[in-house]
Amino acid sequence: MRAAALAGVQHLGIVDRDAVYGLVRAHKEASELGVHLVCGATLTIVGAPPVCLLVQERQGWATLCRLLTEARHQCEKGRAETSIDRLIRDPEGLAVVLLHGWTAARASRIAEAFRGRCYVAVTRRLVPSDRHRVRQAQALSEALGAPLLASTQPLMHDPAKQPIADVLTCIRRRVTLEEAGRHLHANASRTVLELPDFLDRFFDLEEAVANAERLAESCTFTLDDLAYEYPHEVVPEGRTPMQWLVERTEHGLVERY
C-alpha cells in the first residue's frame, strides 16, 4: 500500500486468493495514505480459470463473504472452490473480472448474470506471449460484450521481491522451486507501477485503462461501512432470550444435580 501511495496510485484492489485476509491491514494503511482501496477476492472456480470479484456496495461484501465461506466449507482445509452455478446465483453488489483462460462459451452465463458489471482482464507480462494474450482478451471482450480492463495484476510492491513471490507460489502449489516450472513468473513485471509506466505498458489500450478507473470509482464500499451486528437469537416463539436461557439452565440443574 505504501508503494502504491509513493507511486501516485489512486486506486488499488486487494484480491487475495479465496480469502480477504489482507484487507483489514490494507484498509488501515489506505486510510492513512489516502489511497482508495477496492475490496475483493480471487475465486477458484471448479473446472475453469479463476475470477476476481470486486465489492461495489455493502450488500456485495455480504455476498462475497458468504461465497468464500461456502467455498471453503465444501473443501478440505487449506483449499476452496466454487462452481459457476453458485457464482451466478447471487451477484448483487459485485463486479466480476474474468482472468486469462476463459472462453466465451464457458463465461457466457457469468456475463449474463453480471450484466453491466462483467469485465475481461487484459495484462502484459513483458513476455513473447503477450500479443497472443491480448488478442485472446480482446476476442473474449467482443464475444461477451464485456469491457476490457487493464491491470498488471501486481503480486509485489518491489521487483526485488520476486524470489519471495516464487516461494509463496511453490507453497500454494505444494512443489519445490525445481518442480515449479511454468508456475513461476518469467520476470518481475507484476509489480505496482507509477502512472506513466502503467500508461506506457497499455499505450494502445486506452479504453481498457479508462475502464479500470471507472470500475474502481464505482466500488464505493469501504470497511468503514461495517458495524457490529448482534446475531438473531434462536429461541422458541413467545420467549425472550433471557427467559429461554433461564429455562434451559433450570432444566440442566435438575438433570445434573
C-alpha atoms as a PDB file:
ATOM      1  CA  MET A   1       0.000   0.000   0.000  1.00  0.00           C
ATOM      2  CA  ARG A   2       2.849   2.375   0.798  1.00  0.00           C
ATOM      3  CA  ALA A   3       4.471   1.588  -2.535  1.00  0.00           C
ATOM      4  CA  ALA A   4       1.197   2.422  -4.273  1.00  0.00           C
ATOM      5  CA  ALA A   5       0.967   5.743  -2.462  1.00  0.00           C
ATOM      6  CA  LEU A   6       4.573   6.600  -3.338  1.00  0.00           C
ATOM      7  CA  ALA A   7       3.883   5.696  -6.977  1.00  0.00           C
ATOM      8  CA  GLY A   8       0.909   8.045  -7.047  1.00  0.00           C
ATOM      9  CA  VAL A   9      -1.636   5.219  -7.443  1.00  0.00           C
ATOM     10  CA  GLN A  10      -5.149   6.481  -6.663  1.00  0.00           C
ATOM     11  CA  HIS A  11      -6.972   3.126  -6.629  1.00  0.00           C
ATOM     12  CA  LEU A  12      -5.606  -0.245  -5.560  1.00  0.00           C
ATOM     13  CA  GLY A  13      -7.534  -3.502  -5.434  1.00  0.00           C
ATOM     14  CA  ILE A  14      -6.612  -6.247  -2.978  1.00  0.00           C
ATOM     15  CA  VAL A  15      -7.890  -9.610  -4.216  1.00  0.00           C
ATOM     16  CA  ASP A  16      -6.335 -12.408  -2.162  1.00  0.00           C
ATOM     17  CA  ARG A  17      -6.925 -15.957  -3.368  1.00  0.00           C
ATOM     18  CA  ASP A  18     -10.191 -17.294  -1.890  1.00  0.00           C
ATOM     19  CA  ALA A  19      -9.861 -15.026   1.127  1.00  0.00           C
ATOM     20  CA  VAL A  20      -9.956 -11.471   2.444  1.00  0.00           C
ATOM     21  CA  TYR A  21      -7.107 -11.872   4.926  1.00  0.00           C
ATOM     22  CA  GLY A  22      -5.166  -8.782   3.880  1.00  0.00           C
ATOM     23  CA  LEU A  23      -7.996  -6.294   3.699  1.00  0.00           C
ATOM     24  CA  VAL A  24      -8.105  -5.082   7.308  1.00  0.00           C
ATOM     25  CA  ARG A  25      -4.437  -4.095   7.362  1.00  0.00           C
ATOM     26  CA  ALA A  26      -4.716  -2.714   3.828  1.00  0.00           C
ATOM     27  CA  HIS A  27      -7.750  -0.645   4.825  1.00  0.00           C
ATOM     28  CA  LYS A  28      -5.927   0.891   7.763  1.00  0.00           C
ATOM     29  CA  GLU A  29      -2.910   1.871   5.665  1.00  0.00           C
ATOM     30  CA  ALA A  30      -5.019   3.044   2.726  1.00  0.00           C
ATOM     31  CA  SER A  31      -6.955   5.361   5.029  1.00  0.00           C
ATOM     32  CA  GLU A  32      -3.731   6.826   6.397  1.00  0.00           C
ATOM     33  CA  LEU A  33      -2.124   7.217   2.966  1.00  0.00           C
ATOM     34  CA  GLY A  34      -5.106   8.489   1.004  1.00  0.00           C
ATOM     35  CA  VAL A  35      -5.307   5.546  -1.408  1.00  0.00           C
ATOM     36  CA  HIS A  36      -8.724   4.266  -2.445  1.00  0.00           C
ATOM     37  CA  LEU A  37      -8.835   0.586  -1.531  1.00  0.00           C
ATOM     38  CA  VAL A  38     -11.014  -1.632  -3.717  1.00  0.00           C
ATOM     39  CA  CYS A  39     -12.014  -4.693  -1.686  1.00  0.00           C
ATOM     40  CA  GLY A  40     -12.412  -8.087  -3.291  1.00  0.00           C
ATOM     41  CA  ALA A  41     -11.085 -11.612  -3.692  1.00  0.00           C
ATOM     42  CA  THR A  42      -9.918 -14.010  -6.383  1.00  0.00           C
ATOM     43  CA  LEU A  43     -12.177 -17.054  -6.502  1.00  0.00           C
ATOM     44  CA  THR A  44     -11.144 -20.529  -7.606  1.00  0.00           C
ATOM     45  CA  ILE A  45     -13.802 -21.875  -9.976  1.00  0.00           C
ATOM     46  CA  VAL A  46     -14.378 -25.603 -10.417  1.00  0.00           C
ATOM     47  CA  GLY A  47     -13.115 -26.706 -13.832  1.00  0.00           C
ATOM     48  CA  ALA A  48     -12.437 -23.157 -15.016  1.00  0.00           C
ATOM     49  CA  PRO A  49      -9.969 -20.270 -14.623  1.00  0.00           C
ATOM     50  CA  PRO A  50     -10.325 -18.014 -11.573  1.00  0.00           C
ATOM     51  CA  VAL A  51     -12.275 -14.760 -11.431  1.00  0.00           C
ATOM     52  CA  CYS A  52     -11.834 -11.607  -9.399  1.00  0.00           C
ATOM     53  CA  LEU A  53     -14.859 -10.309  -7.524  1.00  0.00           C
ATOM     54  CA  LEU A  54     -14.800  -6.633  -6.565  1.00  0.00           C
ATOM     55  CA  VAL A  55     -17.153  -5.218  -3.947  1.00  0.00           C
ATOM     56  CA  GLN A  56     -19.127  -2.223  -5.158  1.00  0.00           C
ATOM     57  CA  GLU A  57     -21.502  -1.779  -2.216  1.00  0.00           C
ATOM     58  CA  ARG A  58     -22.350  -3.102   1.247  1.00  0.00           C
ATOM     59  CA  GLN A  59     -24.532  -5.958   0.001  1.00  0.00           C
ATOM     60  CA  GLY A  60     -21.668  -7.101  -2.201  1.00  0.00           C
ATOM     61  CA  TRP A  61     -19.454  -7.569   0.848  1.00  0.00           C
ATOM     62  CA  ALA A  62     -22.039  -9.846   2.455  1.00  0.00           C
ATOM     63  CA  THR A  63     -22.349 -11.784  -0.799  1.00  0.00           C
ATOM     64  CA  LEU A  64     -18.586 -12.176  -1.165  1.00  0.00           C
ATOM     65  CA  CYS A  65     -18.118 -13.362   2.430  1.00  0.00           C
ATOM     66  CA  ARG A  66     -20.917 -15.881   2.017  1.00  0.00           C
ATOM     67  CA  LEU A  67     -19.362 -17.195  -1.213  1.00  0.00           C
ATOM     68  CA  LEU A  68     -15.941 -17.568   0.401  1.00  0.00           C
ATOM     69  CA  THR A  69     -17.374 -19.314   3.469  1.00  0.00           C
ATOM     70  CA  GLU A  70     -19.222 -21.850   1.320  1.00  0.00           C
ATOM     71  CA  ALA A  71     -16.206 -22.325  -0.962  1.00  0.00           C
ATOM     72  CA  ARG A  72     -14.003 -23.265   1.992  1.00  0.00           C
ATOM     73  CA  HIS A  73     -16.642 -25.283   3.835  1.00  0.00           C
ATOM     74  CA  GLN A  74     -17.027 -27.772   0.988  1.00  0.00           C
ATOM     75  CA  CYS A  75     -13.275 -28.410   0.601  1.00  0.00           C
ATOM     76  CA  GLU A  76     -10.537 -29.863   2.754  1.00  0.00           C
ATOM     77  CA  LYS A  77      -8.664 -27.436   4.981  1.00  0.00           C
ATOM     78  CA  GLY A  78      -6.455 -25.064   3.017  1.00  0.00           C
ATOM     79  CA  ARG A  79      -8.489 -25.290  -0.194  1.00  0.00           C
ATOM     80  CA  ALA A  80     -11.536 -23.530  -1.583  1.00  0.00           C
ATOM     81  CA  GLU A  81     -13.533 -23.600  -4.787  1.00  0.00           C
ATOM     82  CA  THR A  82     -16.945 -22.650  -6.038  1.00  0.00           C
ATOM     83  CA  SER A  83     -18.998 -23.508  -9.106  1.00  0.00           C
ATOM     84  CA  ILE A  84     -20.201 -21.244 -11.874  1.00  0.00           C
ATOM     85  CA  ASP A  85     -23.770 -22.079 -10.844  1.00  0.00           C
ATOM     86  CA  ARG A  86     -23.128 -20.828  -7.301  1.00  0.00           C
ATOM     87  CA  LEU A  87     -21.263 -17.755  -8.519  1.00  0.00           C
ATOM     88  CA  ILE A  88     -24.100 -16.533 -10.741  1.00  0.00           C
ATOM     89  CA  ARG A  89     -26.825 -17.295  -8.212  1.00  0.00           C
ATOM     90  CA  ASP A  90     -26.110 -14.238  -6.084  1.00  0.00           C
ATOM     91  CA  PRO A  91     -24.248 -11.466  -7.967  1.00  0.00           C
ATOM     92  CA  GLU A  92     -25.736  -8.482  -6.149  1.00  0.00           C
ATOM     93  CA  GLY A  93     -23.309  -5.710  -5.223  1.00  0.00           C
ATOM     94  CA  LEU A  94     -20.338  -7.263  -7.020  1.00  0.00           C
ATOM     95  CA  ALA A  95     -18.414  -6.770 -10.246  1.00  0.00           C
ATOM     96  CA  VAL A  96     -16.625  -9.723 -11.827  1.00  0.00           C
ATOM     97  CA  VAL A  97     -13.356  -9.673 -13.741  1.00  0.00           C
ATOM     98  CA  LEU A  98     -12.599 -12.677 -15.932  1.00  0.00           C
ATOM     99  CA  LEU A  99      -8.926 -13.587 -15.810  1.00  0.00           C
ATOM    100  CA  HIS A 100      -6.864 -15.170 -18.572  1.00  0.00           C
ATOM    101  CA  GLY A 101      -8.072 -18.527 -19.849  1.00  0.00           C
ATOM    102  CA  TRP A 102     -11.823 -18.034 -20.113  1.00  0.00           C
ATOM    103  CA  THR A 103     -13.711 -18.779 -23.326  1.00  0.00           C
ATOM    104  CA  ALA A 104     -16.929 -17.143 -24.476  1.00  0.00           C
ATOM    105  CA  ALA A 105     -18.841 -20.417 -24.243  1.00  0.00           C
ATOM    106  CA  ARG A 106     -17.771 -21.028 -20.673  1.00  0.00           C
ATOM    107  CA  ALA A 107     -18.181 -17.423 -19.500  1.00  0.00           C
ATOM    108  CA  SER A 108     -21.483 -16.561 -21.191  1.00  0.00           C
ATOM    109  CA  ARG A 109     -23.632 -17.317 -18.125  1.00  0.00           C
ATOM    110  CA  ILE A 110     -21.374 -15.216 -15.916  1.00  0.00           C
ATOM    111  CA  ALA A 111     -21.573 -12.284 -18.327  1.00  0.00           C
ATOM    112  CA  GLU A 112     -25.358 -12.579 -18.374  1.00  0.00           C
ATOM    113  CA  ALA A 113     -25.698 -12.761 -14.576  1.00  0.00           C
ATOM    114  CA  PHE A 114     -23.328  -9.820 -14.065  1.00  0.00           C
ATOM    115  CA  ARG A 115     -24.680  -7.811 -16.996  1.00  0.00           C
ATOM    116  CA  GLY A 116     -23.087  -4.352 -16.960  1.00  0.00           C
ATOM    117  CA  ARG A 117     -20.679  -5.481 -14.219  1.00  0.00           C
ATOM    118  CA  CYS A 118     -18.586  -8.078 -16.079  1.00  0.00           C
ATOM    119  CA  TYR A 119     -15.092  -7.214 -17.321  1.00  0.00           C
ATOM    120  CA  VAL A 120     -12.307  -9.019 -19.132  1.00  0.00           C
ATOM    121  CA  ALA A 121      -8.808  -8.520 -17.712  1.00  0.00           C
ATOM    122  CA  VAL A 122      -6.041  -7.671 -20.155  1.00  0.00           C
ATOM    123  CA  THR A 123      -2.459  -7.854 -18.969  1.00  0.00           C
ATOM    124  CA  ARG A 124       1.055  -7.636 -20.330  1.00  0.00           C
ATOM    125  CA  ARG A 125       3.780  -9.702 -18.663  1.00  0.00           C
ATOM    126  CA  LEU A 126       6.620  -8.483 -20.922  1.00  0.00           C
ATOM    127  CA  VAL A 127       6.998 -11.917 -22.494  1.00  0.00           C
ATOM    128  CA  PRO A 128       6.626 -13.118 -26.115  1.00  0.00           C
ATOM    129  CA  SER A 129       3.129 -14.477 -25.456  1.00  0.00           C
ATOM    130  CA  ASP A 130       1.764 -11.011 -24.603  1.00  0.00           C
ATOM    131  CA  ARG A 131       0.490 -10.397 -28.121  1.00  0.00           C
ATOM    132  CA  HIS A 132      -1.485 -13.644 -28.096  1.00  0.00           C
ATOM    133  CA  ARG A 133      -2.774 -12.951 -24.573  1.00  0.00           C
ATOM    134  CA  VAL A 134      -4.056  -9.501 -25.572  1.00  0.00           C
ATOM    135  CA  ARG A 135      -5.725 -10.843 -28.724  1.00  0.00           C
ATOM    136  CA  GLN A 136      -7.493 -13.510 -26.667  1.00  0.00           C
ATOM    137  CA  ALA A 137      -8.753 -10.906 -24.186  1.00  0.00           C
ATOM    138  CA  GLN A 138      -9.983  -8.668 -26.989  1.00  0.00           C
ATOM    139  CA  ALA A 139     -11.816 -11.553 -28.668  1.00  0.00           C
ATOM    140  CA  LEU A 140     -13.474 -12.579 -25.392  1.00  0.00           C
ATOM    141  CA  SER A 141     -14.462  -8.989 -24.663  1.00  0.00           C
ATOM    142  CA  GLU A 142     -16.099  -8.648 -28.069  1.00  0.00           C
ATOM    143  CA  ALA A 143     -17.884 -12.005 -27.849  1.00  0.00           C
ATOM    144  CA  LEU A 144     -19.365 -11.276 -24.409  1.00  0.00           C
ATOM    145  CA  GLY A 145     -19.946  -7.564 -24.831  1.00  0.00           C
ATOM    146  CA  ALA A 146     -17.866  -7.055 -21.691  1.00  0.00           C
ATOM    147  CA  PRO A 147     -15.363  -4.184 -21.454  1.00  0.00           C
ATOM    148  CA  LEU A 148     -11.621  -4.789 -21.317  1.00  0.00           C
ATOM    149  CA  LEU A 149      -9.926  -3.916 -18.021  1.00  0.00           C
ATOM    150  CA  ALA A 150      -6.222  -3.072 -17.941  1.00  0.00           C
ATOM    151  CA  SER A 151      -4.299  -4.482 -14.978  1.00  0.00           C
ATOM    152  CA  THR A 152      -0.769  -5.504 -14.117  1.00  0.00           C
ATOM    153  CA  GLN A 153      -2.248  -7.889 -11.510  1.00  0.00           C
ATOM    154  CA  PRO A 154       0.574  -6.957  -9.123  1.00  0.00           C
ATOM    155  CA  LEU A 155       1.959  -9.621  -6.822  1.00  0.00           C
ATOM    156  CA  MET A 156       4.619  -7.468  -5.208  1.00  0.00           C
ATOM    157  CA  HIS A 157       5.420  -3.855  -4.471  1.00  0.00           C
ATOM    158  CA  ASP A 158       9.080  -4.140  -5.482  1.00  0.00           C
ATOM    159  CA  PRO A 159      10.610  -6.206  -8.334  1.00  0.00           C
ATOM    160  CA  ALA A 160      13.316  -7.310  -5.907  1.00  0.00           C
ATOM    161  CA  LYS A 161      10.654  -9.309  -4.038  1.00  0.00           C
ATOM    162  CA  GLN A 162      10.112 -11.757  -6.890  1.00  0.00           C
ATOM    163  CA  PRO A 163      12.050 -14.590  -5.161  1.00  0.00           C
ATOM    164  CA  ILE A 164       9.623 -14.336  -2.240  1.00  0.00           C
ATOM    165  CA  ALA A 165       6.675 -14.437  -4.647  1.00  0.00           C
ATOM    166  CA  ASP A 166       8.173 -17.562  -6.231  1.00  0.00           C
ATOM    167  CA  VAL A 167       8.488 -19.271  -2.851  1.00  0.00           C
ATOM    168  CA  LEU A 168       4.870 -18.421  -1.994  1.00  0.00           C
ATOM    169  CA  THR A 169       3.773 -19.848  -5.351  1.00  0.00           C
ATOM    170  CA  CYS A 170       5.600 -23.084  -4.531  1.00  0.00           C
ATOM    171  CA  ILE A 171       3.937 -23.265  -1.121  1.00  0.00           C
ATOM    172  CA  ARG A 172       0.498 -22.803  -2.683  1.00  0.00           C
ATOM    173  CA  ARG A 173       1.243 -25.387  -5.382  1.00  0.00           C
ATOM    174  CA  ARG A 174       2.952 -27.704  -2.889  1.00  0.00           C
ATOM    175  CA  VAL A 175       6.025 -28.139  -5.079  1.00  0.00           C
ATOM    176  CA  THR A 176       9.717 -27.273  -4.833  1.00  0.00           C
ATOM    177  CA  LEU A 177      11.334 -24.472  -6.785  1.00  0.00           C
ATOM    178  CA  GLU A 178      12.857 -27.072  -9.084  1.00  0.00           C
ATOM    179  CA  GLU A 179       9.443 -28.636  -9.735  1.00  0.00           C
ATOM    180  CA  ALA A 180       7.507 -25.402 -10.168  1.00  0.00           C
ATOM    181  CA  GLY A 181       8.432 -24.842 -13.810  1.00  0.00           C
ATOM    182  CA  ARG A 182       5.996 -22.548 -15.609  1.00  0.00           C
ATOM    183  CA  HIS A 183       4.007 -21.912 -12.450  1.00  0.00           C
ATOM    184  CA  LEU A 184       6.718 -19.342 -11.663  1.00  0.00           C
ATOM    185  CA  HIS A 185       6.717 -16.000 -13.419  1.00  0.00           C
ATOM    186  CA  ALA A 186       9.311 -15.266 -16.079  1.00  0.00           C
ATOM    187  CA  ASN A 187      10.104 -11.812 -14.684  1.00  0.00           C
ATOM    188  CA  ALA A 188       9.073  -9.236 -12.101  1.00  0.00           C
ATOM    189  CA  SER A 189       6.556  -7.422 -14.307  1.00  0.00           C
ATOM    190  CA  ARG A 190       3.694  -7.979 -11.886  1.00  0.00           C
ATOM    191  CA  THR A 191       4.511  -5.086  -9.627  1.00  0.00           C
ATOM    192  CA  VAL A 192       2.970  -1.740  -8.691  1.00  0.00           C
ATOM    193  CA  LEU A 193       3.704   0.809 -11.437  1.00  0.00           C
ATOM    194  CA  GLU A 194       3.736   4.569 -11.455  1.00  0.00           C
ATOM    195  CA  LEU A 195       1.050   6.033 -13.709  1.00  0.00           C
ATOM    196  CA  PRO A 196       3.393   6.944 -16.622  1.00  0.00           C
ATOM    197  CA  ASP A 197       4.798   3.403 -16.644  1.00  0.00           C
ATOM    198  CA  PHE A 198       1.301   1.928 -16.450  1.00  0.00           C
ATOM    199  CA  LEU A 199       0.149   4.037 -19.385  1.00  0.00           C
ATOM    200  CA  ASP A 200       3.245   3.048 -21.368  1.00  0.00           C
ATOM    201  CA  ARG A 201       2.541  -0.649 -20.825  1.00  0.00           C
ATOM    202  CA  PHE A 202      -1.025  -0.232 -22.139  1.00  0.00           C
ATOM    203  CA  PHE A 203      -0.267   2.530 -24.650  1.00  0.00           C
ATOM    204  CA  ASP A 204      -2.622   1.031 -27.273  1.00  0.00           C
ATOM    205  CA  LEU A 205      -5.393   0.095 -24.837  1.00  0.00           C
ATOM    206  CA  GLU A 206      -6.528   3.489 -23.597  1.00  0.00           C
ATOM    207  CA  GLU A 207     -10.157   2.413 -23.220  1.00  0.00           C
ATOM    208  CA  ALA A 208      -9.130  -0.539 -21.052  1.00  0.00           C
ATOM    209  CA  VAL A 209      -7.211   1.863 -18.808  1.00  0.00           C
ATOM    210  CA  ALA A 210     -10.228   4.165 -18.590  1.00  0.00           C
ATOM    211  CA  ASN A 211     -12.478   1.204 -17.785  1.00  0.00           C
ATOM    212  CA  ALA A 212     -10.221   0.236 -14.896  1.00  0.00           C
ATOM    213  CA  GLU A 213     -10.523   3.698 -13.410  1.00  0.00           C
ATOM    214  CA  ARG A 214     -14.285   3.815 -13.883  1.00  0.00           C
ATOM    215  CA  LEU A 215     -14.742   0.428 -12.237  1.00  0.00           C
ATOM    216  CA  ALA A 216     -12.541   1.412  -9.302  1.00  0.00           C
ATOM    217  CA  GLU A 217     -14.560   4.581  -8.797  1.00  0.00           C
ATOM    218  CA  SER A 218     -17.793   2.545  -8.797  1.00  0.00           C
ATOM    219  CA  CYS A 219     -16.504   0.429  -5.891  1.00  0.00           C
ATOM    220  CA  THR A 220     -17.574   2.778  -3.120  1.00  0.00           C
ATOM    221  CA  PHE A 221     -17.682   0.143  -0.381  1.00  0.00           C
ATOM    222  CA  THR A 222     -15.227   0.550   2.473  1.00  0.00           C
ATOM    223  CA  LEU A 223     -14.696  -1.477   5.627  1.00  0.00           C
ATOM    224  CA  ASP A 224     -15.807   1.637   7.500  1.00  0.00           C
ATOM    225  CA  ASP A 225     -19.309   0.795   6.255  1.00  0.00           C
ATOM    226  CA  LEU A 226     -19.364  -2.231   8.554  1.00  0.00           C
ATOM    227  CA  ALA A 227     -20.721  -2.104  12.077  1.00  0.00           C
ATOM    228  CA  TYR A 228     -21.102  -4.802  14.701  1.00  0.00           C
ATOM    229  CA  GLU A 229     -24.421  -6.591  14.300  1.00  0.00           C
ATOM    230  CA  TYR A 230     -25.530  -8.890  17.115  1.00  0.00           C
ATOM    231  CA  PRO A 231     -26.832 -12.134  15.628  1.00  0.00           C
ATOM    232  CA  HIS A 232     -30.500 -13.018  15.824  1.00  0.00           C
ATOM    233  CA  GLU A 233     -31.275 -15.134  18.889  1.00  0.00           C
ATOM    234  CA  VAL A 234     -32.736 -18.541  18.038  1.00  0.00           C
ATOM    235  CA  VAL A 235     -35.387 -19.040  20.738  1.00  0.00           C
ATOM    236  CA  PRO A 236     -38.865 -20.625  20.780  1.00  0.00           C
ATOM    237  CA  GLU A 237     -41.734 -18.358  19.816  1.00  0.00           C
ATOM    238  CA  GLY A 238     -43.182 -16.443  22.747  1.00  0.00           C
ATOM    239  CA  ARG A 239     -39.984 -16.447  24.843  1.00  0.00           C
ATOM    240  CA  THR A 240     -37.305 -13.809  25.201  1.00  0.00           C
ATOM    241  CA  PRO A 241     -33.653 -14.876  25.019  1.00  0.00           C
ATOM    242  CA  MET A 242     -33.297 -14.423  28.791  1.00  0.00           C
ATOM    243  CA  GLN A 243     -36.427 -16.485  29.515  1.00  0.00           C
ATOM    244  CA  TRP A 244     -35.158 -19.301  27.329  1.00  0.00           C
ATOM    245  CA  LEU A 245     -31.730 -19.173  28.961  1.00  0.00           C
ATOM    246  CA  VAL A 246     -33.249 -19.394  32.460  1.00  0.00           C
ATOM    247  CA  GLU A 247     -35.491 -22.285  31.410  1.00  0.00           C
ATOM    248  CA  ARG A 248     -32.630 -24.271  29.898  1.00  0.00           C
ATOM    249  CA  THR A 249     -30.405 -23.552  32.908  1.00  0.00           C
ATOM    250  CA  GLU A 250     -33.041 -24.771  35.372  1.00  0.00           C
ATOM    251  CA  HIS A 251     -33.577 -27.878  33.243  1.00  0.00           C
ATOM    252  CA  GLY A 252     -29.856 -28.547  33.299  1.00  0.00           C
ATOM    253  CA  LEU A 253     -29.708 -28.131  37.060  1.00  0.00           C
ATOM    254  CA  VAL A 254     -32.399 -30.794  37.532  1.00  0.00           C
ATOM    255  CA  GLU A 255     -30.615 -33.219  35.181  1.00  0.00           C
ATOM    256  CA  ARG A 256     -27.187 -32.719  36.744  1.00  0.00           C
ATOM    257  CA  TYR A 257     -28.000 -32.434  40.434  1.00  0.00           C
END
